[in-house]
Amino acid sequence: MSEVIVWFDGACPLCAREIALMRRLDRIAAIHFVDIADNRSDCPKDRHQMRARFHAQEQGRLLSGAAAFAAMWRAIPLLRPLGLWARRPYALRLLEWFYRKFLIARPLLQQCVSKEYRP
């Protein structure tokens, strides 16, 4: 089984696009992707909480936000340097700051992407 688990909202066109890219980059199948839009999927938290922030599990530890992205990046060889850089406290704080700004803009971005996205 994969060491990294990533939960994503497959009903969100923005999320679906991003995860499609990560799946293509994950050539060694190091990540187990779980679509929380499928109500049969297991979630470690309430689905509403899972949709509010990005979540991943690395080495049994549940992470959210920028830390979850960094865990996903570390599992993908091409992105591993970025994920390792994100382990530095100042880097993770900076990424989390950007992630929180992104969350504010996310509804608008989802609308823009949903108009052009066709799965």
PDB file of N, CA and C in Angstrom:
ATOM      1  N   MET A   1       0.837  -1.192   0.000  1.00  0.00           N
ATOM      2  CA  MET A   1       0.000   0.000   0.000  1.00  0.00           C
ATOM      3  C   MET A   1       0.877   1.249   0.000  1.00  0.00           C
ATOM      4  N   SER A   2       0.360   2.319  -0.560  1.00  0.00           N
ATOM      5  CA  SER A   2       1.095   3.578  -0.642  1.00  0.00           C
ATOM      6  C   SER A   2       1.339   4.156   0.746  1.00  0.00           C
ATOM      7  N   GLU A   3       2.452   4.826   0.865  1.00  0.00           N
ATOM      8  CA  GLU A   3       2.784   5.469   2.130  1.00  0.00           C
ATOM      9  C   GLU A   3       2.056   6.802   2.284  1.00  0.00           C
ATOM     10  N   VAL A   4       1.675   7.418   1.171  1.00  0.00           N
ATOM     11  CA  VAL A   4       0.975   8.698   1.206  1.00  0.00           C
ATOM     12  C   VAL A   4      -0.443   8.488   0.675  1.00  0.00           C
ATOM     13  N   ILE A   5      -1.404   9.015   1.428  1.00  0.00           N
ATOM     14  CA  ILE A   5      -2.808   8.991   1.017  1.00  0.00           C
ATOM     15  C   ILE A   5      -3.232  10.438   0.841  1.00  0.00           C
ATOM     16  N   VAL A   6      -3.910  10.719  -0.254  1.00  0.00           N
ATOM     17  CA  VAL A   6      -4.411  12.059  -0.538  1.00  0.00           C
ATOM     18  C   VAL A   6      -5.917  11.976  -0.722  1.00  0.00           C
ATOM     19  N   TRP A   7      -6.642  12.806   0.015  1.00  0.00           N
ATOM     20  CA  TRP A   7      -8.086  12.905  -0.137  1.00  0.00           C
ATOM     21  C   TRP A   7      -8.391  14.144  -0.958  1.00  0.00           C
ATOM     22  N   PHE A   8      -9.259  13.993  -1.954  1.00  0.00           N
ATOM     23  CA  PHE A   8      -9.608  15.126  -2.814  1.00  0.00           C
ATOM     24  C   PHE A   8     -11.084  15.059  -3.168  1.00  0.00           C
ATOM     25  N   ASP A   9     -11.623  16.192  -3.561  1.00  0.00           N
ATOM     26  CA  ASP A   9     -13.029  16.295  -3.937  1.00  0.00           C
ATOM     27  C   ASP A   9     -13.139  16.181  -5.456  1.00  0.00           C
ATOM     28  N   GLY A  10     -13.484  15.001  -5.917  1.00  0.00           N
ATOM     29  CA  GLY A  10     -13.601  14.759  -7.349  1.00  0.00           C
ATOM     30  C   GLY A  10     -14.737  15.528  -8.006  1.00  0.00           C
ATOM     31  N   ALA A  11     -15.667  16.057  -7.201  1.00  0.00           N
ATOM     32  CA  ALA A  11     -16.766  16.853  -7.739  1.00  0.00           C
ATOM     33  C   ALA A  11     -16.335  18.297  -8.003  1.00  0.00           C
ATOM     34  N   CYS A  12     -15.181  18.671  -7.516  1.00  0.00           N
ATOM     35  CA  CYS A  12     -14.642  20.015  -7.724  1.00  0.00           C
ATOM     36  C   CYS A  12     -13.769  19.996  -8.979  1.00  0.00           C
ATOM     37  N   PRO A  13     -14.114  20.772 -10.003  1.00  0.00           N
ATOM     38  CA  PRO A  13     -13.332  20.737 -11.242  1.00  0.00           C
ATOM     39  C   PRO A  13     -11.882  21.198 -11.046  1.00  0.00           C
ATOM     40  N   LEU A  14     -11.670  22.122 -10.153  1.00  0.00           N
ATOM     41  CA  LEU A  14     -10.312  22.597  -9.858  1.00  0.00           C
ATOM     42  C   LEU A  14      -9.489  21.469  -9.232  1.00  0.00           C
ATOM     43  N   CYS A  15     -10.089  20.797  -8.248  1.00  0.00           N
ATOM     44  CA  CYS A  15      -9.411  19.675  -7.574  1.00  0.00           C
ATOM     45  C   CYS A  15      -9.164  18.530  -8.556  1.00  0.00           C
ATOM     46  N   ALA A  16     -10.162  18.220  -9.355  1.00  0.00           N
ATOM     47  CA  ALA A  16     -10.049  17.108 -10.300  1.00  0.00           C
ATOM     48  C   ALA A  16      -8.896  17.347 -11.286  1.00  0.00           C
ATOM     49  N   ARG A  17      -8.757  18.574 -11.749  1.00  0.00           N
ATOM     50  CA  ARG A  17      -7.650  18.905 -12.666  1.00  0.00           C
ATOM     51  C   ARG A  17      -6.298  18.749 -11.995  1.00  0.00           C
ATOM     52  N   GLU A  18      -6.206  19.266 -10.790  1.00  0.00           N
ATOM     53  CA  GLU A  18      -4.933  19.188 -10.070  1.00  0.00           C
ATOM     54  C   GLU A  18      -4.553  17.740  -9.781  1.00  0.00           C
ATOM     55  N   ILE A  19      -5.500  16.947  -9.346  1.00  0.00           N
ATOM     56  CA  ILE A  19      -5.207  15.548  -9.021  1.00  0.00           C
ATOM     57  C   ILE A  19      -4.891  14.764 -10.295  1.00  0.00           C
ATOM     58  N   ALA A  20      -5.527  15.094 -11.394  1.00  0.00           N
ATOM     59  CA  ALA A  20      -5.196  14.431 -12.664  1.00  0.00           C
ATOM     60  C   ALA A  20      -3.724  14.675 -13.010  1.00  0.00           C
ATOM     61  N   LEU A  21      -3.265  15.897 -12.800  1.00  0.00           N
ATOM     62  CA  LEU A  21      -1.853  16.208 -13.042  1.00  0.00           C
ATOM     63  C   LEU A  21      -0.957  15.432 -12.080  1.00  0.00           C
ATOM     64  N   MET A  22      -1.308  15.407 -10.803  1.00  0.00           N
ATOM     65  CA  MET A  22      -0.489  14.688  -9.812  1.00  0.00           C
ATOM     66  C   MET A  22      -0.436  13.191 -10.130  1.00  0.00           C
ATOM     67  N   ARG A  23      -1.539  12.633 -10.586  1.00  0.00           N
ATOM     68  CA  ARG A  23      -1.551  11.205 -10.969  1.00  0.00           C
ATOM     69  C   ARG A  23      -0.603  10.943 -12.133  1.00  0.00           C
ATOM     70  N   ARG A  24      -0.578  11.862 -13.095  1.00  0.00           N
ATOM     71  CA  ARG A  24       0.342  11.691 -14.226  1.00  0.00           C
ATOM     72  C   ARG A  24       1.794  11.785 -13.766  1.00  0.00           C
ATOM     73  N   LEU A  25       2.060  12.676 -12.828  1.00  0.00           N
ATOM     74  CA  LEU A  25       3.430  12.838 -12.329  1.00  0.00           C
ATOM     75  C   LEU A  25       3.847  11.703 -11.396  1.00  0.00           C
ATOM     76  N   ASP A  26       2.886  11.051 -10.769  1.00  0.00           N
ATOM     77  CA  ASP A  26       3.158   9.964  -9.823  1.00  0.00           C
ATOM     78  C   ASP A  26       3.386   8.657 -10.586  1.00  0.00           C
ATOM     79  N   ARG A  27       4.459   8.594 -11.312  1.00  0.00           N
ATOM     80  CA  ARG A  27       4.751   7.437 -12.156  1.00  0.00           C
ATOM     81  C   ARG A  27       5.127   6.188 -11.364  1.00  0.00           C
ATOM     82  N   ILE A  28       5.469   6.361 -10.097  1.00  0.00           N
ATOM     83  CA  ILE A  28       5.835   5.201  -9.271  1.00  0.00           C
ATOM     84  C   ILE A  28       4.670   4.757  -8.381  1.00  0.00           C
ATOM     85  N   ALA A  29       3.508   5.357  -8.570  1.00  0.00           N
ATOM     86  CA  ALA A  29       2.297   5.015  -7.809  1.00  0.00           C
ATOM     87  C   ALA A  29       2.557   5.043  -6.297  1.00  0.00           C
ATOM     88  N   ALA A  30       3.181   6.114  -5.854  1.00  0.00           N
ATOM     89  CA  ALA A  30       3.506   6.263  -4.438  1.00  0.00           C
ATOM     90  C   ALA A  30       2.347   6.826  -3.624  1.00  0.00           C
ATOM     91  N   ILE A  31       1.326   7.310  -4.306  1.00  0.00           N
ATOM     92  CA  ILE A  31       0.211   7.964  -3.627  1.00  0.00           C
ATOM     93  C   ILE A  31      -1.079   7.200  -3.890  1.00  0.00           C
ATOM     94  N   HIS A  32      -1.850   7.025  -2.829  1.00  0.00           N
ATOM     95  CA  HIS A  32      -3.200   6.457  -2.941  1.00  0.00           C
ATOM     96  C   HIS A  32      -4.167   7.637  -2.895  1.00  0.00           C
ATOM     97  N   PHE A  33      -4.838   7.900  -4.008  1.00  0.00           N
ATOM     98  CA  PHE A  33      -5.768   9.015  -4.096  1.00  0.00           C
ATOM     99  C   PHE A  33      -7.175   8.533  -3.749  1.00  0.00           C
ATOM    100  N   VAL A  34      -7.854   9.262  -2.852  1.00  0.00           N
ATOM    101  CA  VAL A  34      -9.202   8.910  -2.411  1.00  0.00           C
ATOM    102  C   VAL A  34     -10.144  10.063  -2.745  1.00  0.00           C
ATOM    103  N   ASP A  35     -11.137   9.775  -3.563  1.00  0.00           N
ATOM    104  CA  ASP A  35     -12.119  10.777  -3.968  1.00  0.00           C
ATOM    105  C   ASP A  35     -13.228  10.839  -2.915  1.00  0.00           C
ATOM    106  N   ILE A  36     -13.285  11.931  -2.171  1.00  0.00           N
ATOM    107  CA  ILE A  36     -14.286  12.037  -1.114  1.00  0.00           C
ATOM    108  C   ILE A  36     -15.674  12.368  -1.658  1.00  0.00           C
ATOM    109  N   ALA A  37     -15.781  12.661  -2.952  1.00  0.00           N
ATOM    110  CA  ALA A  37     -17.097  12.864  -3.560  1.00  0.00           C
ATOM    111  C   ALA A  37     -17.853  11.537  -3.621  1.00  0.00           C
ATOM    112  N   ASP A  38     -17.118  10.448  -3.596  1.00  0.00           N
ATOM    113  CA  ASP A  38     -17.714   9.107  -3.544  1.00  0.00           C
ATOM    114  C   ASP A  38     -18.049   8.833  -2.076  1.00  0.00           C
ATOM    115  N   ASN A  39     -19.320   8.816  -1.745  1.00  0.00           N
ATOM    116  CA  ASN A  39     -19.740   8.656  -0.353  1.00  0.00           C
ATOM    117  C   ASN A  39     -19.343   7.315   0.251  1.00  0.00           C
ATOM    118  N   ARG A  40     -18.892   6.383  -0.573  1.00  0.00           N
ATOM    119  CA  ARG A  40     -18.434   5.089  -0.045  1.00  0.00           C
ATOM    120  C   ARG A  40     -16.991   5.143   0.421  1.00  0.00           C
ATOM    121  N   SER A  41     -16.284   6.215   0.087  1.00  0.00           N
ATOM    122  CA  SER A  41     -14.873   6.320   0.468  1.00  0.00           C
ATOM    123  C   SER A  41     -14.746   6.641   1.953  1.00  0.00           C
ATOM    124  N   ASP A  42     -13.667   6.156   2.541  1.00  0.00           N
ATOM    125  CA  ASP A  42     -13.391   6.412   3.950  1.00  0.00           C
ATOM    126  C   ASP A  42     -12.698   7.753   4.111  1.00  0.00           C
ATOM    127  N   CYS A  43     -13.120   8.490   5.121  1.00  0.00           N
ATOM    128  CA  CYS A  43     -12.513   9.776   5.441  1.00  0.00           C
ATOM    129  C   CYS A  43     -12.108   9.781   6.908  1.00  0.00           C
ATOM    130  N   PRO A  44     -10.949  10.318   7.212  1.00  0.00           N
ATOM    131  CA  PRO A  44     -10.525  10.387   8.612  1.00  0.00           C
ATOM    132  C   PRO A  44     -11.229  11.477   9.413  1.00  0.00           C
ATOM    133  N   LYS A  45     -11.938  12.373   8.721  1.00  0.00           N
ATOM    134  CA  LYS A  45     -12.673  13.473   9.347  1.00  0.00           C
ATOM    135  C   LYS A  45     -14.021  13.601   8.662  1.00  0.00           C
ATOM    136  N   ASP A  46     -14.835  14.491   9.169  1.00  0.00           N
ATOM    137  CA  ASP A  46     -16.109  14.825   8.553  1.00  0.00           C
ATOM    138  C   ASP A  46     -15.862  15.307   7.113  1.00  0.00           C
ATOM    139  N   ARG A  47     -16.720  14.904   6.179  1.00  0.00           N
ATOM    140  CA  ARG A  47     -16.539  15.274   4.762  1.00  0.00           C
ATOM    141  C   ARG A  47     -16.506  16.791   4.552  1.00  0.00           C
ATOM    142  N   HIS A  48     -17.285  17.517   5.323  1.00  0.00           N
ATOM    143  CA  HIS A  48     -17.265  18.982   5.194  1.00  0.00           C
ATOM    144  C   HIS A  48     -15.877  19.522   5.551  1.00  0.00           C
ATOM    145  N   GLN A  49     -15.281  19.006   6.606  1.00  0.00           N
ATOM    146  CA  GLN A  49     -13.925  19.425   6.987  1.00  0.00           C
ATOM    147  C   GLN A  49     -12.918  19.017   5.918  1.00  0.00           C
ATOM    148  N   MET A  50     -13.116  17.850   5.343  1.00  0.00           N
ATOM    149  CA  MET A  50     -12.193  17.355   4.316  1.00  0.00           C
ATOM    150  C   MET A  50     -12.263  18.225   3.062  1.00  0.00           C
ATOM    151  N   ARG A  51     -13.449  18.752   2.760  1.00  0.00           N
ATOM    152  CA  ARG A  51     -13.599  19.610   1.579  1.00  0.00           C
ATOM    153  C   ARG A  51     -13.080  21.024   1.829  1.00  0.00           C
ATOM    154  N   ALA A  52     -13.044  21.435   3.077  1.00  0.00           N
ATOM    155  CA  ALA A  52     -12.644  22.802   3.413  1.00  0.00           C
ATOM    156  C   ALA A  52     -11.149  23.036   3.213  1.00  0.00           C
ATOM    157  N   ARG A  53     -10.347  21.984   3.411  1.00  0.00           N
ATOM    158  CA  ARG A  53      -8.888  22.084   3.268  1.00  0.00           C
ATOM    159  C   ARG A  53      -8.379  20.792   2.638  1.00  0.00           C
ATOM    160  N   PHE A  54      -7.260  20.887   1.983  1.00  0.00           N
ATOM    161  CA  PHE A  54      -6.614  19.727   1.372  1.00  0.00           C
ATOM    162  C   PHE A  54      -6.017  18.861   2.478  1.00  0.00           C
ATOM    163  N   HIS A  55      -6.192  17.528   2.378  1.00  0.00           N
ATOM    164  CA  HIS A  55      -5.688  16.598   3.398  1.00  0.00           C
ATOM    165  C   HIS A  55      -4.864  15.480   2.774  1.00  0.00           C
ATOM    166  N   ALA A  56      -3.849  15.089   3.495  1.00  0.00           N
ATOM    167  CA  ALA A  56      -3.018  13.947   3.104  1.00  0.00           C
ATOM    168  C   ALA A  56      -2.532  13.261   4.369  1.00  0.00           C
ATOM    169  N   GLN A  57      -2.162  12.020   4.207  1.00  0.00           N
ATOM    170  CA  GLN A  57      -1.562  11.271   5.307  1.00  0.00           C
ATOM    171  C   GLN A  57      -0.188  10.794   4.855  1.00  0.00           C
ATOM    172  N   GLU A  58       0.799  11.077   5.675  1.00  0.00           N
ATOM    173  CA  GLU A  58       2.172  10.669   5.381  1.00  0.00           C
ATOM    174  C   GLU A  58       2.711   9.952   6.608  1.00  0.00           C
ATOM    175  N   GLN A  59       3.147   8.727   6.425  1.00  0.00           N
ATOM    176  CA  GLN A  59       3.691   7.919   7.520  1.00  0.00           C
ATOM    177  C   GLN A  59       2.746   7.895   8.712  1.00  0.00           C
ATOM    178  N   GLY A  60       1.454   7.730   8.424  1.00  0.00           N
ATOM    179  CA  GLY A  60       0.448   7.612   9.469  1.00  0.00           C
ATOM    180  C   GLY A  60       0.005   8.918  10.097  1.00  0.00           C
ATOM    181  N   ARG A  61       0.558  10.026   9.661  1.00  0.00           N
ATOM    182  CA  ARG A  61       0.241  11.340  10.237  1.00  0.00           C
ATOM    183  C   ARG A  61      -0.668  12.123   9.293  1.00  0.00           C
ATOM    184  N   LEU A  62      -1.832  12.558   9.802  1.00  0.00           N
ATOM    185  CA  LEU A  62      -2.780  13.325   9.002  1.00  0.00           C
ATOM    186  C   LEU A  62      -2.331  14.779   8.937  1.00  0.00           C
ATOM    187  N   LEU A  63      -2.250  15.303   7.719  1.00  0.00           N
ATOM    188  CA  LEU A  63      -1.795  16.678   7.474  1.00  0.00           C
ATOM    189  C   LEU A  63      -2.867  17.418   6.689  1.00  0.00           C
ATOM    190  N   SER A  64      -2.871  18.742   6.809  1.00  0.00           N
ATOM    191  CA  SER A  64      -3.807  19.526   6.005  1.00  0.00           C
ATOM    192  C   SER A  64      -3.119  20.778   5.488  1.00  0.00           C
ATOM    193  N   GLY A  65      -3.744  21.389   4.484  1.00  0.00           N
ATOM    194  CA  GLY A  65      -3.215  22.623   3.911  1.00  0.00           C
ATOM    195  C   GLY A  65      -1.875  22.434   3.239  1.00  0.00           C
ATOM    196  N   ALA A  66      -0.989  23.392   3.442  1.00  0.00           N
ATOM    197  CA  ALA A  66       0.321  23.368   2.786  1.00  0.00           C
ATOM    198  C   ALA A  66       1.125  22.132   3.171  1.00  0.00           C
ATOM    199  N   ALA A  67       1.010  21.694   4.410  1.00  0.00           N
ATOM    200  CA  ALA A  67       1.745  20.507   4.847  1.00  0.00           C
ATOM    201  C   ALA A  67       1.291  19.268   4.074  1.00  0.00           C
ATOM    202  N   ALA A  68       0.005  19.196   3.742  1.00  0.00           N
ATOM    203  CA  ALA A  68      -0.512  18.076   2.960  1.00  0.00           C
ATOM    204  C   ALA A  68       0.017  18.122   1.529  1.00  0.00           C
ATOM    205  N   PHE A  69       0.053  19.316   0.949  1.00  0.00           N
ATOM    206  CA  PHE A  69       0.625  19.451  -0.396  1.00  0.00           C
ATOM    207  C   PHE A  69       2.095  19.040  -0.387  1.00  0.00           C
ATOM    208  N   ALA A  70       2.831  19.469   0.629  1.00  0.00           N
ATOM    209  CA  ALA A  70       4.255  19.136   0.716  1.00  0.00           C
ATOM    210  C   ALA A  70       4.451  17.624   0.813  1.00  0.00           C
ATOM    211  N   ALA A  71       3.600  16.941   1.553  1.00  0.00           N
ATOM    212  CA  ALA A  71       3.700  15.481   1.663  1.00  0.00           C
ATOM    213  C   ALA A  71       3.466  14.829   0.301  1.00  0.00           C
ATOM    214  N   MET A  72       2.476  15.329  -0.429  1.00  0.00           N
ATOM    215  CA  MET A  72       2.197  14.798  -1.762  1.00  0.00           C
ATOM    216  C   MET A  72       3.392  15.038  -2.682  1.00  0.00           C
ATOM    217  N   TRP A  73       3.958  16.228  -2.628  1.00  0.00           N
ATOM    218  CA  TRP A  73       5.113  16.554  -3.469  1.00  0.00           C
ATOM    219  C   TRP A  73       6.297  15.648  -3.149  1.00  0.00           C
ATOM    220  N   ARG A  74       6.531  15.357  -1.868  1.00  0.00           N
ATOM    221  CA  ARG A  74       7.662  14.507  -1.492  1.00  0.00           C
ATOM    222  C   ARG A  74       7.529  13.099  -2.056  1.00  0.00           C
ATOM    223  N   ALA A  75       6.300  12.649  -2.289  1.00  0.00           N
ATOM    224  CA  ALA A  75       6.074  11.305  -2.810  1.00  0.00           C
ATOM    225  C   ALA A  75       6.290  11.198  -4.320  1.00  0.00           C
ATOM    226  N   ILE A  76       6.351  12.341  -4.997  1.00  0.00           N
ATOM    227  CA  ILE A  76       6.517  12.371  -6.453  1.00  0.00           C
ATOM    228  C   ILE A  76       7.956  12.793  -6.758  1.00  0.00           C
ATOM    229  N   PRO A  77       8.755  11.903  -7.342  1.00  0.00           N
ATOM    230  CA  PRO A  77      10.177  12.217  -7.546  1.00  0.00           C
ATOM    231  C   PRO A  77      10.451  13.587  -8.169  1.00  0.00           C
ATOM    232  N   LEU A  78       9.702  13.972  -9.171  1.00  0.00           N
ATOM    233  CA  LEU A  78       9.930  15.264  -9.827  1.00  0.00           C
ATOM    234  C   LEU A  78       9.715  16.447  -8.872  1.00  0.00           C
ATOM    235  N   LEU A  79       8.763  16.315  -7.957  1.00  0.00           N
ATOM    236  CA  LEU A  79       8.421  17.401  -7.038  1.00  0.00           C
ATOM    237  C   LEU A  79       9.065  17.252  -5.658  1.00  0.00           C
ATOM    238  N   ARG A  80       9.782  16.164  -5.455  1.00  0.00           N
ATOM    239  CA  ARG A  80      10.375  15.883  -4.146  1.00  0.00           C
ATOM    240  C   ARG A  80      11.237  17.038  -3.608  1.00  0.00           C
ATOM    241  N   PRO A  81      12.082  17.673  -4.429  1.00  0.00           N
ATOM    242  CA  PRO A  81      12.874  18.795  -3.888  1.00  0.00           C
ATOM    243  C   PRO A  81      11.995  19.902  -3.290  1.00  0.00           C
ATOM    244  N   LEU A  82      10.889  20.216  -3.941  1.00  0.00           N
ATOM    245  CA  LEU A  82       9.973  21.224  -3.416  1.00  0.00           C
ATOM    246  C   LEU A  82       9.370  20.755  -2.092  1.00  0.00           C
ATOM    247  N   GLY A  83       8.983  19.489  -2.024  1.00  0.00           N
ATOM    248  CA  GLY A  83       8.428  18.939  -0.795  1.00  0.00           C
ATOM    249  C   GLY A  83       9.424  18.919   0.344  1.00  0.00           C
ATOM    250  N   LEU A  84      10.683  18.639   0.027  1.00  0.00           N
ATOM    251  CA  LEU A  84      11.721  18.655   1.061  1.00  0.00           C
ATOM    252  C   LEU A  84      11.992  20.081   1.534  1.00  0.00           C
ATOM    253  N   TRP A  85      12.012  21.023   0.608  1.00  0.00           N
ATOM    254  CA  TRP A  85      12.186  22.425   0.973  1.00  0.00           C
ATOM    255  C   TRP A  85      11.070  22.863   1.915  1.00  0.00           C
ATOM    256  N   ALA A  86       9.840  22.363   1.664  1.00  0.00           N
ATOM    257  CA  ALA A  86       8.682  22.751   2.472  1.00  0.00           C
ATOM    258  C   ALA A  86       8.760  22.219   3.902  1.00  0.00           C
ATOM    259  N   ARG A  87       9.686  21.333   4.192  1.00  0.00           N
ATOM    260  CA  ARG A  87       9.867  20.861   5.574  1.00  0.00           C
ATOM    261  C   ARG A  87      10.491  21.934   6.463  1.00  0.00           C
ATOM    262  N   ARG A  88      11.116  22.905   5.865  1.00  0.00           N
ATOM    263  CA  ARG A  88      11.716  23.993   6.651  1.00  0.00           C
ATOM    264  C   ARG A  88      10.579  24.845   7.217  1.00  0.00           C
ATOM    265  N   PRO A  89      10.633  25.160   8.492  1.00  0.00           N
ATOM    266  CA  PRO A  89       9.511  25.895   9.115  1.00  0.00           C
ATOM    267  C   PRO A  89       9.146  27.195   8.399  1.00  0.00           C
ATOM    268  N   TYR A  90      10.135  27.976   7.995  1.00  0.00           N
ATOM    269  CA  TYR A  90       9.809  29.237   7.318  1.00  0.00           C
ATOM    270  C   TYR A  90       9.138  28.971   5.973  1.00  0.00           C
ATOM    271  N   ALA A  91       9.567  27.926   5.283  1.00  0.00           N
ATOM    272  CA  ALA A  91       8.983  27.598   3.983  1.00  0.00           C
ATOM    273  C   ALA A  91       7.531  27.144   4.150  1.00  0.00           C
ATOM    274  N   LEU A  92       7.301  26.303   5.133  1.00  0.00           N
ATOM    275  CA  LEU A  92       5.939  25.818   5.366  1.00  0.00           C
ATOM    276  C   LEU A  92       5.020  26.964   5.794  1.00  0.00           C
ATOM    277  N   ARG A  93       5.517  27.878   6.604  1.00  0.00           N
ATOM    278  CA  ARG A  93       4.702  29.037   6.999  1.00  0.00           C
ATOM    279  C   ARG A  93       4.358  29.892   5.773  1.00  0.00           C
ATOM    280  N   LEU A  94       5.315  30.086   4.900  1.00  0.00           N
ATOM    281  CA  LEU A  94       5.080  30.861   3.681  1.00  0.00           C
ATOM    282  C   LEU A  94       4.057  30.159   2.779  1.00  0.00           C
ATOM    283  N   LEU A  95       4.232  28.868   2.581  1.00  0.00           N
ATOM    284  CA  LEU A  95       3.286  28.115   1.749  1.00  0.00           C
ATOM    285  C   LEU A  95       1.888  28.114   2.353  1.00  0.00           C
ATOM    286  N   GLU A  96       1.815  27.988   3.671  1.00  0.00           N
ATOM    287  CA  GLU A  96       0.503  28.011   4.337  1.00  0.00           C
ATOM    288  C   GLU A  96      -0.143  29.387   4.173  1.00  0.00           C
ATOM    289  N   TRP A  97       0.621  30.441   4.232  1.00  0.00           N
ATOM    290  CA  TRP A  97       0.088  31.785   4.022  1.00  0.00           C
ATOM    291  C   TRP A  97      -0.529  31.888   2.622  1.00  0.00           C
ATOM    292  N   PHE A  98       0.216  31.408   1.609  1.00  0.00           N
ATOM    293  CA  PHE A  98      -0.305  31.423   0.236  1.00  0.00           C
ATOM    294  C   PHE A  98      -1.535  30.528   0.106  1.00  0.00           C
ATOM    295  N   TYR A  99      -1.515  29.381   0.766  1.00  0.00           N
ATOM    296  CA  TYR A  99      -2.656  28.459   0.700  1.00  0.00           C
ATOM    297  C   TYR A  99      -3.912  29.121   1.273  1.00  0.00           C
ATOM    298  N   ARG A 100      -3.773  29.821   2.382  1.00  0.00           N
ATOM    299  CA  ARG A 100      -4.937  30.494   2.977  1.00  0.00           C
ATOM    300  C   ARG A 100      -5.475  31.590   2.052  1.00  0.00           C
ATOM    301  N   LYS A 101      -4.586  32.286   1.371  1.00  0.00           N
ATOM    302  CA  LYS A 101      -5.029  33.290   0.387  1.00  0.00           C
ATOM    303  C   LYS A 101      -5.757  32.598  -0.767  1.00  0.00           C
ATOM    304  N   PHE A 102      -5.224  31.462  -1.190  1.00  0.00           N
ATOM    305  CA  PHE A 102      -5.869  30.686  -2.254  1.00  0.00           C
ATOM    306  C   PHE A 102      -7.276  30.262  -1.843  1.00  0.00           C
ATOM    307  N   LEU A 103      -7.455  29.840  -0.580  1.00  0.00           N
ATOM    308  CA  LEU A 103      -8.774  29.401  -0.111  1.00  0.00           C
ATOM    309  C   LEU A 103      -9.817  30.504  -0.240  1.00  0.00           C
ATOM    310  N   ILE A 104      -9.394  31.746  -0.084  1.00  0.00           N
ATOM    311  CA  ILE A 104     -10.318  32.875  -0.238  1.00  0.00           C
ATOM    312  C   ILE A 104     -10.773  32.986  -1.689  1.00  0.00           C
ATOM    313  N   ALA A 105      -9.848  32.769  -2.611  1.00  0.00           N
ATOM    314  CA  ALA A 105     -10.151  32.899  -4.039  1.00  0.00           C
ATOM    315  C   ALA A 105     -10.713  31.608  -4.648  1.00  0.00           C
ATOM    316  N   ARG A 106     -10.649  30.515  -3.916  1.00  0.00           N
ATOM    317  CA  ARG A 106     -11.044  29.218  -4.475  1.00  0.00           C
ATOM    318  C   ARG A 106     -12.446  29.189  -5.066  1.00  0.00           C
ATOM    319  N   PRO A 107     -13.489  29.718  -4.414  1.00  0.00           N
ATOM    320  CA  PRO A 107     -14.822  29.650  -5.035  1.00  0.00           C
ATOM    321  C   PRO A 107     -14.883  30.287  -6.419  1.00  0.00           C
ATOM    322  N   LEU A 108     -14.234  31.416  -6.581  1.00  0.00           N
ATOM    323  CA  LEU A 108     -14.212  32.086  -7.884  1.00  0.00           C
ATOM    324  C   LEU A 108     -13.434  31.246  -8.899  1.00  0.00           C
ATOM    325  N   LEU A 109     -12.310  30.705  -8.490  1.00  0.00           N
ATOM    326  CA  LEU A 109     -11.514  29.856  -9.383  1.00  0.00           C
ATOM    327  C   LEU A 109     -12.295  28.601  -9.789  1.00  0.00           C
ATOM    328  N   GLN A 110     -13.046  28.034  -8.856  1.00  0.00           N
ATOM    329  CA  GLN A 110     -13.849  26.845  -9.166  1.00  0.00           C
ATOM    330  C   GLN A 110     -14.893  27.179 -10.222  1.00  0.00           C
ATOM    331  N   GLN A 111     -15.502  28.332 -10.102  1.00  0.00           N
ATOM    332  CA  GLN A 111     -16.493  28.748 -11.099  1.00  0.00           C
ATOM    333  C   GLN A 111     -15.854  28.905 -12.470  1.00  0.00           C
ATOM    334  N   CYS A 112     -14.697  29.528 -12.517  1.00  0.00           N
ATOM    335  CA  CYS A 112     -14.002  29.730 -13.797  1.00  0.00           C
ATOM    336  C   CYS A 112     -13.636  28.401 -14.428  1.00  0.00           C
ATOM    337  N   VAL A 113     -13.103  27.502 -13.633  1.00  0.00           N
ATOM    338  CA  VAL A 113     -12.672  26.207 -14.158  1.00  0.00           C
ATOM    339  C   VAL A 113     -13.869  25.357 -14.554  1.00  0.00           C
ATOM    340  N   SER A 114     -14.962  25.424 -13.790  1.00  0.00           N
ATOM    341  CA  SER A 114     -16.126  24.573 -14.100  1.00  0.00           C
ATOM    342  C   SER A 114     -16.752  24.947 -15.442  1.00  0.00           C
ATOM    343  N   LYS A 115     -16.599  26.191 -15.855  1.00  0.00           N
ATOM    344  CA  LYS A 115     -17.152  26.611 -17.143  1.00  0.00           C
ATOM    345  C   LYS A 115     -16.395  26.000 -18.307  1.00  0.00           C
ATOM    346  N   GLU A 116     -15.120  25.696 -18.101  1.00  0.00           N
ATOM    347  CA  GLU A 116     -14.318  25.160 -19.205  1.00  0.00           C
ATOM    348  C   GLU A 116     -13.954  23.697 -19.037  1.00  0.00           C
ATOM    349  N   TYR A 117     -14.223  23.113 -17.866  1.00  0.00           N
ATOM    350  CA  TYR A 117     -13.798  21.739 -17.576  1.00  0.00           C
ATOM    351  C   TYR A 117     -14.833  20.728 -18.009  1.00  0.00           C
ATOM    352  N   ARG A 118     -14.394  19.736 -18.725  1.00  0.00           N
ATOM    353  CA  ARG A 118     -15.253  18.621 -19.134  1.00  0.00           C
ATOM    354  C   ARG A 118     -14.494  17.330 -18.829  1.00  0.00           C
ATOM    355  N   PRO A 119     -14.905  16.609 -17.773  1.00  0.00           N
ATOM    356  CA  PRO A 119     -14.151  15.377 -17.417  1.00  0.00           C
ATOM    357  C   PRO A 119     -14.206  14.322 -18.496  1.00  0.00           C
TER     358      PRO A 119
END
